[in-house]
Amino acid sequence: MVESKTAPTFVLVHGAWADGSSWRKVIEALEARGAKAVAAPLPLTSVSDDIRALDRRLARIEGPLVLVAHAYAGAVIPGSKNERVKGLVFVAALAPDEGETVGEVFGRGKPHPKAPQLAPDSDGFIWLPDSAFASAFAQNASPKEAALFAAVQRPIHGACLMEKAAKPLWKTLPSWYLLAEQDRMINPETQDFMAQRMKARIRRLDVDHTPIATAPEHVVELLLEAGQSISA
């Protein structure tokens, strides 16, 4: 039995069109503060596949866990079966309720005028146009950062958008939500709806869809707050 005073490990889970490197600045800042952090890789092939991949990574970590989701990963972290998960943090993330799909919550609000048009390829994978990284995914990033996001992007399969969610962990665990008010990918009003519904502790910030790269200090501040609350 892990004592509650044990500091948790932050497990950072990437969203669509990204990989674990999207969390680099957050990982470096957390480690500089003495916190433990790892990134969990997702195949982005279905929500169920992604939950299993997450739980495989969690099995390799000892002690209490705080799961942190960016964007699509908000549908993944509440499905973990690991009993050492003590809290959830959502960063501009999608959070379907039981019986809902990612596609339903993603399409709930009016899209931003600069939101990209998305369509699957012949294999069912959805790619983000390279130009969308600078215009919508992370408009506050430097041109160099936006180009790197485009170069390393990982497509998401359409199946991820259509799978109905099971009962999410946020119904029983403490949750935090960073609401990105400049988000051009997920409508901020949709974020507010989801965060209110899960009764999360909400932090509203004037940041873009990817503050894990463009405003990492704000993300780290929220994570440390969550970690301290759980360890208390």
Protein backbone atom coordinates (compact mmCIF):
# COMPACT_ATOMS: atom_id res chain seq x y z
CA MET A 1 0.00 0.00 0.00
CA VAL A 2 1.47 3.35 -1.08
CA GLU A 3 1.17 6.06 1.55
CA SER A 4 -0.68 9.20 0.47
CA LYS A 5 2.32 11.38 1.37
CA THR A 6 4.36 9.73 -1.42
CA ALA A 7 4.84 12.17 -4.30
CA PRO A 8 3.07 10.96 -7.42
CA THR A 9 4.59 10.41 -10.84
CA PHE A 10 3.06 12.59 -13.53
CA VAL A 11 2.24 10.52 -16.60
CA LEU A 12 1.88 12.83 -19.59
CA VAL A 13 -0.27 11.57 -22.46
CA HIS A 14 -0.12 13.15 -25.92
CA GLY A 15 -3.06 13.87 -28.17
CA ALA A 16 -3.69 13.44 -31.86
CA TRP A 17 -1.07 14.63 -34.38
CA ALA A 18 1.63 14.61 -31.69
CA ASP A 19 3.92 12.28 -29.78
CA GLY A 20 5.54 12.24 -26.37
CA SER A 21 8.07 14.88 -27.40
CA SER A 22 5.26 17.45 -27.31
CA TRP A 23 5.66 17.31 -23.51
CA ARG A 24 9.43 18.00 -23.54
CA LYS A 25 9.28 21.46 -21.94
CA VAL A 26 6.88 20.27 -19.24
CA ILE A 27 9.03 17.23 -18.43
CA GLU A 28 12.17 19.36 -18.14
CA ALA A 29 10.42 21.90 -15.90
CA LEU A 30 8.89 19.24 -13.64
CA GLU A 31 12.21 17.46 -13.24
CA ALA A 32 13.88 20.79 -12.42
CA ARG A 33 11.35 21.14 -9.59
CA GLY A 34 12.13 17.66 -8.31
CA ALA A 35 8.98 16.01 -9.66
CA LYS A 36 8.88 12.71 -11.52
CA ALA A 37 7.41 12.71 -15.04
CA VAL A 38 7.19 10.30 -17.94
CA ALA A 39 5.44 10.45 -21.31
CA ALA A 40 3.19 7.58 -22.35
CA PRO A 41 3.10 6.69 -26.08
CA LEU A 42 -0.25 6.00 -27.75
CA PRO A 43 -0.79 4.17 -31.05
CA LEU A 44 -3.80 6.43 -31.84
CA THR A 45 -5.62 3.49 -33.44
CA SER A 46 -8.68 3.27 -31.15
CA VAL A 47 -9.59 4.49 -27.68
CA SER A 48 -9.39 0.92 -26.37
CA ASP A 49 -5.96 0.38 -27.94
CA ASP A 50 -4.76 3.64 -26.44
CA ILE A 51 -6.04 2.80 -22.96
CA ARG A 52 -4.24 -0.56 -23.10
CA ALA A 53 -1.03 1.17 -24.23
CA LEU A 54 -1.33 3.64 -21.36
CA ASP A 55 -1.85 0.91 -18.80
CA ARG A 56 1.20 -0.98 -20.11
CA ARG A 57 3.27 2.13 -19.39
CA LEU A 58 1.71 2.61 -15.96
CA ALA A 59 2.60 -0.95 -15.00
CA ARG A 60 6.28 0.01 -15.28
CA ILE A 61 5.98 2.86 -12.76
CA GLU A 62 5.91 2.45 -8.99
CA GLY A 63 3.79 4.45 -6.58
CA PRO A 64 0.85 6.81 -7.00
CA LEU A 65 0.06 8.29 -10.40
CA VAL A 66 -1.40 11.51 -11.75
CA LEU A 67 -2.51 11.15 -15.37
CA VAL A 68 -2.25 14.24 -17.54
CA ALA A 69 -3.96 14.49 -20.93
CA HIS A 70 -3.59 16.88 -23.81
CA ALA A 71 -6.46 17.14 -26.31
CA TYR A 72 -7.65 13.70 -27.53
CA ALA A 73 -5.90 11.95 -24.62
CA GLY A 74 -8.64 13.31 -22.36
CA ALA A 75 -10.72 10.41 -23.67
CA VAL A 76 -7.95 7.94 -22.81
CA ILE A 77 -6.78 8.68 -19.27
CA PRO A 78 -10.24 8.24 -17.64
CA GLY A 79 -10.32 4.69 -18.98
CA SER A 80 -7.23 3.45 -17.15
CA LYS A 81 -7.67 0.29 -15.11
CA ASN A 82 -4.68 1.02 -12.87
CA GLU A 83 -5.75 1.35 -9.23
CA ARG A 84 -2.78 3.59 -8.35
CA VAL A 85 -4.21 6.50 -10.37
CA LYS A 86 -5.02 9.22 -7.81
CA GLY A 87 -5.95 12.20 -9.98
CA LEU A 88 -6.53 13.45 -13.52
CA VAL A 89 -5.43 16.65 -15.23
CA PHE A 90 -6.91 17.75 -18.55
CA VAL A 91 -5.08 20.30 -20.72
CA ALA A 92 -7.39 21.68 -23.43
CA ALA A 93 -8.69 18.12 -23.56
CA LEU A 94 -11.73 16.22 -24.75
CA ALA A 95 -13.62 14.37 -22.02
CA PRO A 96 -16.54 12.28 -23.24
CA ASP A 97 -18.98 10.97 -20.66
CA GLU A 98 -20.15 7.37 -20.50
CA GLY A 99 -21.74 6.41 -23.82
CA GLU A 100 -20.38 9.44 -25.70
CA THR A 101 -17.75 9.43 -28.43
CA VAL A 102 -14.78 11.71 -29.03
CA GLY A 103 -16.40 12.81 -32.27
CA GLU A 104 -19.57 13.87 -30.48
CA VAL A 105 -17.85 16.09 -27.94
CA PHE A 106 -15.32 17.43 -30.47
CA GLY A 107 -18.14 18.48 -32.78
CA ARG A 108 -20.31 19.94 -30.03
CA GLY A 109 -19.29 23.57 -30.52
CA LYS A 110 -18.94 25.83 -33.54
CA PRO A 111 -15.50 25.38 -35.14
CA HIS A 112 -13.05 28.27 -35.18
CA PRO A 113 -12.72 29.97 -38.62
CA LYS A 114 -9.09 28.80 -38.76
CA ALA A 115 -9.81 25.24 -37.66
CA PRO A 116 -8.57 22.80 -40.31
CA GLN A 117 -10.86 20.66 -42.44
CA LEU A 118 -10.24 17.03 -41.52
CA ALA A 119 -10.83 13.88 -43.53
CA PRO A 120 -9.45 10.33 -43.29
CA ASP A 121 -7.02 8.89 -45.85
CA SER A 122 -7.61 5.59 -47.66
CA ASP A 123 -6.49 3.67 -44.54
CA GLY A 124 -8.82 5.56 -42.20
CA PHE A 125 -6.13 7.76 -40.64
CA ILE A 126 -6.64 11.50 -40.25
CA TRP A 127 -3.66 13.79 -40.86
CA LEU A 128 -3.42 17.46 -39.97
CA PRO A 129 -2.38 19.75 -42.87
CA ASP A 130 1.13 21.03 -42.21
CA SER A 131 -0.09 24.63 -42.30
CA ALA A 132 -2.58 23.94 -39.49
CA PHE A 133 0.14 23.59 -36.87
CA ALA A 134 0.98 27.29 -37.15
CA SER A 135 -2.57 28.50 -37.76
CA ALA A 136 -4.60 26.43 -35.27
CA PHE A 137 -2.77 23.67 -33.39
CA ALA A 138 -0.21 26.01 -31.79
CA GLN A 139 -0.57 29.51 -33.21
CA ASN A 140 1.58 30.92 -30.39
CA ALA A 141 4.51 28.65 -31.20
CA SER A 142 7.57 29.88 -33.03
CA PRO A 143 7.78 29.03 -36.75
CA LYS A 144 10.53 26.54 -35.89
CA GLU A 145 8.35 24.80 -33.29
CA ALA A 146 5.34 24.69 -35.62
CA ALA A 147 7.48 23.18 -38.38
CA LEU A 148 8.75 20.53 -35.97
CA PHE A 149 5.21 19.65 -34.91
CA ALA A 150 4.32 19.17 -38.57
CA ALA A 151 7.42 17.07 -39.22
CA VAL A 152 6.78 14.60 -36.38
CA GLN A 153 2.98 14.47 -36.44
CA ARG A 154 1.26 11.13 -35.85
CA PRO A 155 -2.13 10.65 -37.49
CA ILE A 156 -5.15 9.48 -35.55
CA HIS A 157 -7.42 6.73 -36.85
CA GLY A 158 -11.07 7.53 -37.37
CA ALA A 159 -11.97 4.67 -35.04
CA CYS A 160 -10.78 6.84 -32.14
CA LEU A 161 -13.60 9.27 -32.84
CA MET A 162 -16.39 6.68 -32.90
CA GLU A 163 -15.86 4.45 -29.85
CA LYS A 164 -18.30 5.00 -26.99
CA ALA A 165 -16.66 5.82 -23.66
CA ALA A 166 -17.00 3.62 -20.59
CA LYS A 167 -17.71 5.14 -17.18
CA PRO A 168 -14.85 7.66 -16.77
CA LEU A 169 -12.56 7.89 -13.76
CA TRP A 170 -13.32 11.59 -13.37
CA LYS A 171 -16.63 10.60 -11.81
CA THR A 172 -14.75 9.26 -8.78
CA LEU A 173 -11.28 10.89 -8.81
CA PRO A 174 -10.25 14.54 -8.29
CA SER A 175 -9.75 16.34 -11.59
CA TRP A 176 -8.21 19.57 -12.83
CA TYR A 177 -8.82 21.30 -16.16
CA LEU A 178 -6.71 23.90 -17.97
CA LEU A 179 -9.15 25.74 -20.23
CA ALA A 180 -7.40 27.28 -23.26
CA GLU A 181 -9.29 30.45 -24.16
CA GLN A 182 -7.38 30.94 -27.46
CA ASP A 183 -7.98 27.35 -28.59
CA ARG A 184 -8.71 27.04 -32.31
CA MET A 185 -9.00 23.23 -32.32
CA ILE A 186 -11.43 22.54 -29.44
CA ASN A 187 -14.01 25.25 -28.83
CA PRO A 188 -13.36 26.90 -25.43
CA GLU A 189 -17.11 26.77 -24.72
CA THR A 190 -16.96 23.00 -25.23
CA GLN A 191 -14.01 22.83 -22.86
CA ASP A 192 -15.99 24.77 -20.27
CA PHE A 193 -18.97 22.42 -20.66
CA MET A 194 -16.80 19.34 -20.15
CA ALA A 195 -14.84 20.80 -17.25
CA GLN A 196 -17.99 21.91 -15.45
CA ARG A 197 -19.61 18.55 -16.03
CA MET A 198 -16.72 16.65 -14.45
CA LYS A 199 -16.65 19.13 -11.55
CA ALA A 200 -12.99 19.79 -12.22
CA ARG A 201 -10.98 22.56 -10.63
CA ILE A 202 -10.78 24.88 -13.62
CA ARG A 203 -7.95 27.21 -14.57
CA ARG A 204 -8.83 29.53 -17.46
CA LEU A 205 -5.82 30.87 -19.33
CA ASP A 206 -5.25 33.03 -22.39
CA VAL A 207 -3.32 30.30 -24.23
CA ASP A 208 -3.61 28.34 -27.48
CA HIS A 209 -4.52 24.68 -27.96
CA THR A 210 -1.01 23.46 -27.10
CA PRO A 211 0.16 25.25 -23.94
CA ILE A 212 2.29 22.21 -23.11
CA ALA A 213 4.68 23.71 -25.69
CA THR A 214 3.73 27.39 -25.85
CA ALA A 215 3.03 28.11 -22.15
CA PRO A 216 4.61 25.18 -20.26
CA GLU A 217 5.12 27.17 -17.06
CA HIS A 218 1.33 27.44 -16.63
CA VAL A 219 0.89 23.72 -17.18
CA VAL A 220 3.61 22.88 -14.67
CA GLU A 221 2.05 25.18 -12.08
CA LEU A 222 -1.27 23.37 -12.40
CA LEU A 223 0.37 19.93 -12.25
CA LEU A 224 2.29 20.78 -9.09
CA GLU A 225 -0.93 22.05 -7.52
CA ALA A 226 -2.64 18.77 -8.37
CA GLY A 227 0.29 16.73 -7.10
CA GLN A 228 0.43 18.61 -3.80
CA SER A 229 -3.31 18.19 -3.29
CA ILE A 230 -3.11 14.47 -3.87
CA SER A 231 -0.06 14.02 -1.65
CA ALA A 232 -1.55 16.01 1.24
